[in-house]
Amino acid sequence: MEAGAGADGLRQTLENVAERIERYRDTRIGEQNTKATLIVPVLRALGWNVEDLDEVHLEYKFKSQDKPVDYALMLQRKPVLFIEAKGLDEDLNDRRWASQIVSYAAVAGVEWVMLTNGDGYRIYNAHAPVALDEKLFRSIQISGDAPEAADALRLLTKDELRRKSLQTLWQAQSIDNRVRQAVEALFEPEPSPWLVRRLARSIEGLSPGDVRAALSRARITLDFPAADLAGLPEVSAVKPTPTPKPAGTRQAATRYDVTVKQLLEAGLIAPGAQLRQRYLGRDVTATIEADGRVRVGGEVYNSLSIAAGAARVAVKGPPPDGRSYYQTNGWTFWEYADRDGKQQPMEALRKRYLSDRSSV
């Protein structure tokens, strides 16, 4: 992550911005003041130099006659993400705003766009061949949950945009959606004959009619936790041919394939270690199990991220979108106590593990 874009710096910036939002919420501060007091500080915290046109181009135009976009985030002097800003009092639910910026980005060849009023942030994939509502990738609100906003906005640092992390997560989300639709199609508008036959053959004593009647009464819900980079391998549309390694050398782990179990095996953390986080004014804790799973309360989870999402549910209730957990990067959410008793993010252990592996 770029200088100035560390997890602690971004979180602190978002907390400061959240305080300003509450202070100005009932005041029509306008678009320019929204940019200066709410949006620009976030861009700086993400590591973008807003005074450098090679990084952040203000009032960007694809063609000279076009209406300008408020911000274009640049890599190698090419726009990779457009940002359309509105005043704090503007309603982002007005479809005109999203439609305009998404359409413009599609024409300009820019895949990612963000619509914001300084409080709400909505990230869209302009190139996705789906309806406008389905182009929405993430929607967060700083005043509602600054830690959740930090997890989503962290994907917009220069490092993550270079790695095409948005594309990686979009691909995972798209796969989940396609699987969900395929499974739902087995039950609607009526149970699939194939599924009925398959279950009748595998469940002793039940006829196809019994199975069909049971499935007609069932209400099936699929819950795919929102993917985060901690749980995904790096993927791309075309997989490169691996470079042969000399005999006796080891391939370094990629940034995203570390597990808690590997940290345990490497002796970087011990079973029973306590993880902590101060979230919305409350202390939440978790425990590392001997098998690498993470215990929160009476439940055990397979990853740090799902455990973090569950911990947030315990504090603020379930997400409004019907998911069981909040999308959360557990590596940056959870903190452990190092040998000096200082709290450190689990991300520090992951980086240390990868560093040790790369030196082998």
Protein backbone atom coordinates (compact mmCIF):
# COMPACT_ATOMS: atom_id res chain seq x y z
CA MET A 1 0.00 0.00 0.00
CA GLU A 2 1.23 3.46 -0.83
CA ALA A 3 2.68 5.82 1.73
CA GLY A 4 -0.10 7.44 3.67
CA ALA A 5 -2.51 4.66 2.76
CA GLY A 6 -1.91 2.37 5.72
CA ALA A 7 -4.84 0.63 7.40
CA ASP A 8 -4.60 2.76 10.56
CA GLY A 9 -4.26 6.02 8.60
CA LEU A 10 -7.24 5.26 6.39
CA ARG A 11 -9.41 4.21 9.31
CA GLN A 12 -8.53 7.35 11.26
CA THR A 13 -9.27 9.52 8.23
CA LEU A 14 -12.66 7.89 7.76
CA GLU A 15 -13.51 8.41 11.42
CA ASN A 16 -12.60 12.10 11.07
CA VAL A 17 -14.68 12.35 7.89
CA ALA A 18 -17.61 10.65 9.67
CA GLU A 19 -17.49 13.35 12.34
CA ARG A 20 -17.59 16.07 9.67
CA ILE A 21 -20.52 14.36 7.96
CA GLU A 22 -22.53 14.50 11.17
CA ARG A 23 -21.56 18.15 11.66
CA TYR A 24 -22.60 19.20 8.14
CA ARG A 25 -25.42 16.77 7.44
CA ASP A 26 -28.19 19.32 7.91
CA THR A 27 -26.30 22.03 6.02
CA ARG A 28 -26.29 22.36 2.25
CA ILE A 29 -22.51 22.58 1.93
CA GLY A 30 -22.59 22.02 -1.85
CA GLU A 31 -20.46 19.91 -4.15
CA GLN A 32 -17.19 21.88 -3.93
CA ASN A 33 -17.15 21.88 -0.11
CA THR A 34 -18.07 18.20 -0.14
CA LYS A 35 -15.04 17.50 -2.32
CA ALA A 36 -12.65 19.57 -0.21
CA THR A 37 -13.73 18.44 3.26
CA LEU A 38 -14.98 14.88 2.70
CA ILE A 39 -13.65 13.37 -0.55
CA VAL A 40 -10.12 14.73 -1.02
CA PRO A 41 -9.00 13.60 2.49
CA VAL A 42 -10.12 10.05 1.62
CA LEU A 43 -8.20 10.08 -1.66
CA ARG A 44 -5.08 11.26 0.16
CA ALA A 45 -5.50 8.57 2.82
CA LEU A 46 -5.66 6.01 0.00
CA GLY A 47 -2.23 7.20 -1.15
CA TRP A 48 -3.25 9.36 -4.12
CA ASN A 49 -1.43 12.65 -4.69
CA VAL A 50 -4.30 14.94 -5.64
CA GLU A 51 -1.85 17.66 -6.73
CA ASP A 52 -0.19 15.41 -9.32
CA LEU A 53 -2.03 15.25 -12.65
CA ASP A 54 -0.27 11.97 -13.46
CA GLU A 55 -2.11 10.44 -10.48
CA VAL A 56 -5.37 12.36 -10.07
CA HIS A 57 -6.71 14.30 -13.04
CA LEU A 58 -9.39 16.80 -12.01
CA GLU A 59 -12.23 17.62 -14.41
CA TYR A 60 -11.11 14.87 -16.78
CA LYS A 61 -12.47 14.83 -20.34
CA PHE A 62 -12.19 11.86 -22.68
CA LYS A 63 -12.91 14.23 -25.56
CA SER A 64 -12.57 17.99 -25.47
CA GLN A 65 -16.29 18.52 -26.03
CA ASP A 66 -17.32 16.17 -23.21
CA LYS A 67 -18.72 17.15 -19.85
CA PRO A 68 -15.85 16.54 -17.39
CA VAL A 69 -15.64 13.83 -14.75
CA ASP A 70 -14.73 15.16 -11.30
CA TYR A 71 -11.73 12.87 -10.77
CA ALA A 72 -9.87 10.33 -12.87
CA LEU A 73 -7.44 8.09 -10.97
CA MET A 74 -4.47 7.45 -13.23
CA LEU A 75 -1.93 4.67 -13.60
CA GLN A 76 0.85 5.23 -16.12
CA ARG A 77 -1.02 8.39 -17.16
CA LYS A 78 -4.10 6.42 -18.18
CA PRO A 79 -7.43 6.64 -16.31
CA VAL A 80 -8.34 3.44 -14.48
CA LEU A 81 -11.24 4.73 -12.35
CA PHE A 82 -13.62 7.67 -12.69
CA ILE A 83 -15.12 9.38 -9.65
CA GLU A 84 -18.30 11.44 -9.92
CA ALA A 85 -18.88 13.64 -6.87
CA LYS A 86 -22.17 15.06 -5.62
CA GLY A 87 -23.00 17.35 -2.71
CA LEU A 88 -23.48 15.76 0.71
CA ASP A 89 -27.21 16.45 0.54
CA GLU A 90 -27.64 14.71 -2.85
CA ASP A 91 -29.43 11.35 -2.98
CA LEU A 92 -27.26 8.68 -4.61
CA ASN A 93 -30.39 6.63 -5.28
CA ASP A 94 -31.16 8.97 -8.20
CA ARG A 95 -30.43 6.62 -11.10
CA ARG A 96 -29.42 9.53 -13.34
CA TRP A 97 -26.09 9.94 -11.55
CA ALA A 98 -25.03 6.31 -11.87
CA SER A 99 -26.35 6.00 -15.41
CA GLN A 100 -24.40 9.04 -16.61
CA ILE A 101 -21.03 8.14 -15.12
CA VAL A 102 -21.29 4.43 -16.04
CA SER A 103 -22.24 5.25 -19.63
CA TYR A 104 -19.44 7.77 -19.97
CA ALA A 105 -16.85 5.35 -18.57
CA ALA A 106 -17.97 2.64 -20.97
CA VAL A 107 -17.41 5.00 -23.92
CA ALA A 108 -14.05 6.15 -22.54
CA GLY A 109 -12.86 2.57 -22.04
CA VAL A 110 -12.60 2.88 -18.24
CA GLU A 111 -13.89 -0.18 -16.43
CA TRP A 112 -14.42 1.15 -12.90
CA VAL A 113 -16.36 4.16 -11.67
CA MET A 114 -17.33 5.46 -8.27
CA LEU A 115 -20.26 7.67 -7.36
CA THR A 116 -20.06 9.48 -4.03
CA ASN A 117 -21.61 12.29 -2.02
CA GLY A 118 -18.80 12.19 0.52
CA ASP A 119 -20.71 9.82 2.78
CA GLY A 120 -22.02 7.09 0.49
CA TYR A 121 -19.64 5.43 -1.98
CA ARG A 122 -20.86 3.20 -4.82
CA ILE A 123 -18.42 1.32 -7.05
CA TYR A 124 -19.65 0.13 -10.46
CA ASN A 125 -18.18 -2.06 -13.18
CA ALA A 126 -18.97 -0.06 -16.32
CA HIS A 127 -17.94 -2.88 -18.67
CA ALA A 128 -20.10 -5.63 -17.16
CA PRO A 129 -22.69 -6.79 -19.75
CA VAL A 130 -25.59 -6.56 -17.30
CA ALA A 131 -28.27 -4.07 -16.29
CA LEU A 132 -27.22 -0.93 -14.39
CA ASP A 133 -28.29 -2.22 -10.97
CA GLU A 134 -26.25 -5.39 -11.50
CA LYS A 135 -23.15 -3.37 -12.36
CA LEU A 136 -22.99 -2.23 -8.71
CA PHE A 137 -20.03 -3.92 -7.02
CA ARG A 138 -19.89 -2.31 -3.57
CA SER A 139 -22.04 0.20 -1.73
CA ILE A 140 -20.84 1.57 1.60
CA GLN A 141 -21.54 4.51 3.89
CA ILE A 142 -18.81 6.11 5.98
CA SER A 143 -21.16 7.44 8.66
CA GLY A 144 -22.84 4.06 8.99
CA ASP A 145 -19.73 1.92 9.37
CA ALA A 146 -16.25 3.40 8.93
CA PRO A 147 -14.43 0.01 9.29
CA GLU A 148 -16.59 -1.52 6.54
CA ALA A 149 -15.95 1.53 4.38
CA ALA A 150 -12.21 1.14 4.95
CA ASP A 151 -12.33 -2.49 3.76
CA ALA A 152 -14.06 -1.51 0.53
CA LEU A 153 -12.15 1.70 -0.19
CA ARG A 154 -8.80 0.03 0.41
CA LEU A 155 -9.32 -1.68 -2.94
CA LEU A 156 -8.80 1.73 -4.57
CA THR A 157 -5.17 2.27 -3.59
CA LYS A 158 -2.63 2.35 -6.42
CA ASP A 159 -1.27 -1.03 -5.31
CA GLU A 160 -4.65 -2.74 -5.48
CA LEU A 161 -5.61 -1.11 -8.78
CA ARG A 162 -2.29 -2.23 -10.26
CA ARG A 163 -3.00 -5.78 -9.07
CA LYS A 164 -6.48 -5.57 -10.58
CA SER A 165 -7.97 -6.61 -7.26
CA LEU A 166 -11.37 -5.19 -8.23
CA GLN A 167 -11.44 -7.48 -11.25
CA THR A 168 -10.46 -10.46 -9.10
CA LEU A 169 -13.28 -9.86 -6.63
CA TRP A 170 -15.77 -9.01 -9.39
CA GLN A 171 -15.01 -12.33 -11.05
CA ALA A 172 -15.57 -14.19 -7.78
CA GLN A 173 -18.83 -12.30 -7.19
CA SER A 174 -19.99 -13.05 -10.74
CA ILE A 175 -19.31 -16.75 -10.28
CA ASP A 176 -21.27 -16.75 -7.02
CA ASN A 177 -24.20 -15.03 -8.70
CA ARG A 178 -24.24 -17.51 -11.59
CA VAL A 179 -24.13 -20.47 -9.19
CA ARG A 180 -26.92 -18.94 -7.10
CA GLN A 181 -29.11 -18.46 -10.17
CA ALA A 182 -28.46 -22.03 -11.34
CA VAL A 183 -29.35 -23.48 -7.94
CA GLU A 184 -32.46 -21.31 -7.59
CA ALA A 185 -33.57 -22.50 -11.03
CA LEU A 186 -33.72 -26.05 -9.63
CA PHE A 187 -36.60 -24.97 -7.37
CA GLU A 188 -38.47 -22.35 -9.40
CA PRO A 189 -41.12 -22.24 -10.64
CA GLU A 190 -41.34 -25.85 -9.45
CA PRO A 191 -38.81 -28.46 -8.31
CA SER A 192 -36.58 -29.74 -11.09
CA PRO A 193 -37.54 -33.30 -12.19
CA TRP A 194 -33.83 -34.16 -12.24
CA LEU A 195 -33.40 -33.03 -8.64
CA VAL A 196 -36.54 -34.89 -7.55
CA ARG A 197 -35.30 -38.13 -9.13
CA ARG A 198 -31.81 -37.70 -7.69
CA LEU A 199 -33.08 -37.20 -4.16
CA ALA A 200 -35.66 -39.99 -4.41
CA ARG A 201 -32.90 -42.44 -5.40
CA SER A 202 -30.61 -41.37 -2.57
CA ILE A 203 -33.18 -41.12 0.28
CA GLU A 204 -34.51 -44.51 1.30
CA GLY A 205 -38.26 -44.82 1.68
CA LEU A 206 -39.23 -41.65 -0.18
CA SER A 207 -41.05 -41.58 -3.48
CA PRO A 208 -40.57 -38.87 -6.12
CA GLY A 209 -43.94 -37.50 -5.05
CA ASP A 210 -42.75 -37.22 -1.43
CA VAL A 211 -39.62 -35.38 -2.49
CA ARG A 212 -41.50 -33.06 -4.85
CA ALA A 213 -43.99 -32.14 -2.11
CA ALA A 214 -41.18 -31.47 0.38
CA LEU A 215 -39.27 -29.29 -2.06
CA SER A 216 -42.43 -27.35 -2.89
CA ARG A 217 -42.73 -26.45 0.79
CA ALA A 218 -39.05 -25.57 1.18
CA ARG A 219 -37.64 -22.07 1.15
CA ILE A 220 -34.05 -22.37 -0.02
CA THR A 221 -31.62 -19.52 0.66
CA LEU A 222 -28.03 -19.41 -0.57
CA ASP A 223 -25.66 -17.16 1.34
CA PHE A 224 -22.39 -16.31 -0.37
CA PRO A 225 -20.25 -14.09 1.90
CA ALA A 226 -18.94 -11.13 -0.09
CA ALA A 227 -15.51 -12.18 -1.32
CA ASP A 228 -12.46 -10.42 0.03
CA LEU A 229 -8.88 -10.69 -1.11
CA ALA A 230 -7.78 -12.57 1.99
CA GLY A 231 -9.68 -15.63 0.84
CA LEU A 232 -9.01 -15.58 -2.89
CA PRO A 233 -6.12 -16.60 -5.08
CA GLU A 234 -4.97 -14.09 -7.66
CA VAL A 235 -6.76 -14.79 -10.92
CA SER A 236 -6.79 -13.29 -14.39
CA ALA A 237 -8.70 -13.80 -17.60
CA VAL A 238 -5.69 -15.56 -19.16
CA LYS A 239 -3.43 -17.58 -16.90
CA PRO A 240 0.23 -17.01 -17.76
CA THR A 241 2.49 -19.93 -18.45
CA PRO A 242 4.51 -20.49 -15.26
CA THR A 243 8.23 -19.84 -15.50
CA PRO A 244 10.23 -23.01 -14.77
CA LYS A 245 12.08 -22.87 -11.47
CA PRO A 246 15.55 -24.31 -10.94
CA ALA A 247 15.62 -27.62 -9.13
CA GLY A 248 15.67 -27.26 -5.37
CA THR A 249 13.98 -23.84 -5.25
CA ARG A 250 10.54 -23.11 -3.86
CA GLN A 251 7.81 -20.94 -5.31
CA ALA A 252 6.94 -18.07 -3.00
CA ALA A 253 3.35 -17.93 -1.81
CA THR A 254 1.14 -15.35 -3.46
CA ARG A 255 -0.13 -12.46 -1.40
CA TYR A 256 -3.56 -13.94 -0.86
CA ASP A 257 -3.06 -17.63 -0.19
CA VAL A 258 -1.96 -17.56 3.46
CA THR A 259 -4.11 -19.34 6.04
CA VAL A 260 -4.19 -19.15 9.81
CA LYS A 261 -3.21 -22.81 9.90
CA GLN A 262 0.00 -21.95 8.04
CA LEU A 263 0.77 -19.26 10.63
CA LEU A 264 0.30 -21.86 13.36
CA GLU A 265 2.55 -24.38 11.62
CA ALA A 266 5.22 -21.70 11.17
CA GLY A 267 5.07 -20.84 14.88
CA LEU A 268 4.07 -17.24 14.21
CA ILE A 269 1.00 -17.56 16.42
CA ALA A 270 -0.09 -20.13 18.99
CA PRO A 271 -3.36 -22.02 19.43
CA GLY A 272 -5.57 -20.19 21.89
CA ALA A 273 -4.23 -16.77 20.90
CA GLN A 274 -6.75 -14.01 21.54
CA LEU A 275 -7.65 -11.56 18.79
CA ARG A 276 -9.30 -8.23 19.53
CA GLN A 277 -10.86 -5.21 17.88
CA ARG A 278 -12.63 -2.08 19.10
CA TYR A 279 -15.72 -1.85 16.89
CA LEU A 280 -18.41 0.83 17.13
CA GLY A 281 -17.47 1.49 20.73
CA ARG A 282 -17.45 -2.17 21.79
CA ASP A 283 -14.61 -4.65 22.29
CA VAL A 284 -14.98 -7.83 20.25
CA THR A 285 -12.74 -10.86 20.64
CA ALA A 286 -11.90 -14.09 18.86
CA THR A 287 -9.78 -17.14 19.64
CA ILE A 288 -7.45 -19.06 17.31
CA GLU A 289 -8.27 -22.78 17.42
CA ALA A 290 -5.61 -25.48 17.08
CA ASP A 291 -6.88 -26.42 13.60
CA GLY A 292 -6.61 -22.85 12.29
CA ARG A 293 -10.27 -21.97 12.60
CA VAL A 294 -11.44 -18.89 14.51
CA ARG A 295 -13.92 -18.91 17.38
CA VAL A 296 -16.21 -15.96 18.03
CA GLY A 297 -18.60 -16.48 20.91
CA GLY A 298 -19.92 -20.01 20.66
CA GLU A 299 -19.36 -20.38 16.90
CA VAL A 300 -16.27 -21.51 14.99
CA TYR A 301 -15.49 -20.09 11.53
CA ASN A 302 -13.18 -21.25 8.76
CA SER A 303 -11.54 -17.89 8.11
CA LEU A 304 -10.57 -14.66 9.81
CA SER A 305 -12.79 -12.69 7.46
CA ILE A 306 -15.99 -14.63 8.11
CA ALA A 307 -15.25 -14.50 11.84
CA ALA A 308 -14.82 -10.73 11.59
CA GLY A 309 -18.08 -10.40 9.66
CA ALA A 310 -19.86 -12.46 12.33
CA ALA A 311 -18.38 -10.31 15.11
CA ARG A 312 -19.76 -7.22 13.44
CA VAL A 313 -23.19 -8.84 13.23
CA ALA A 314 -23.07 -9.40 17.01
CA VAL A 315 -22.50 -5.67 17.52
CA LYS A 316 -24.81 -4.04 14.95
CA GLY A 317 -27.16 -6.77 13.76
CA PRO A 318 -27.33 -8.47 10.35
CA PRO A 319 -26.61 -6.65 7.08
CA PRO A 320 -29.63 -5.00 5.42
CA ASP A 321 -28.94 -6.84 2.13
CA GLY A 322 -29.91 -10.21 3.61
CA ARG A 323 -26.39 -11.64 3.92
CA SER A 324 -25.46 -13.54 7.06
CA TYR A 325 -22.19 -11.64 7.55
CA TYR A 326 -20.70 -8.29 6.66
CA GLN A 327 -18.01 -8.20 3.99
CA THR A 328 -14.86 -7.78 6.07
CA ASN A 329 -11.13 -8.22 5.61
CA GLY A 330 -10.27 -10.22 8.70
CA TRP A 331 -6.53 -9.70 8.24
CA THR A 332 -6.90 -5.96 8.82
CA PHE A 333 -9.87 -6.20 11.22
CA TRP A 334 -8.39 -8.53 13.86
CA GLU A 335 -5.40 -7.59 16.01
CA TYR A 336 -3.14 -9.81 18.11
CA ALA A 337 -0.70 -8.97 20.92
CA ASP A 338 2.95 -9.23 19.87
CA ARG A 339 5.77 -10.25 22.23
CA ASP A 340 5.88 -6.73 23.66
CA GLY A 341 2.15 -6.75 24.30
CA LYS A 342 1.46 -4.24 21.52
CA GLN A 343 -1.63 -4.81 19.40
CA GLN A 344 -0.80 -5.51 15.74
CA PRO A 345 -3.06 -6.36 12.78
CA MET A 346 -3.01 -9.99 11.66
CA GLU A 347 -1.88 -8.62 8.29
CA ALA A 348 1.55 -8.08 9.90
CA LEU A 349 1.86 -11.82 10.57
CA ARG A 350 0.78 -12.64 7.04
CA LYS A 351 3.42 -10.32 5.60
CA ARG A 352 6.05 -11.84 7.88
CA TYR A 353 5.08 -15.34 6.77
CA LEU A 354 5.34 -14.39 3.09
CA SER A 355 8.66 -12.67 3.70
CA ASP A 356 10.04 -15.79 5.41
CA ARG A 357 8.80 -17.96 2.55
CA SER A 358 10.34 -15.78 -0.15
CA SER A 359 13.76 -15.98 1.52
CA VAL A 360 13.75 -19.78 1.54
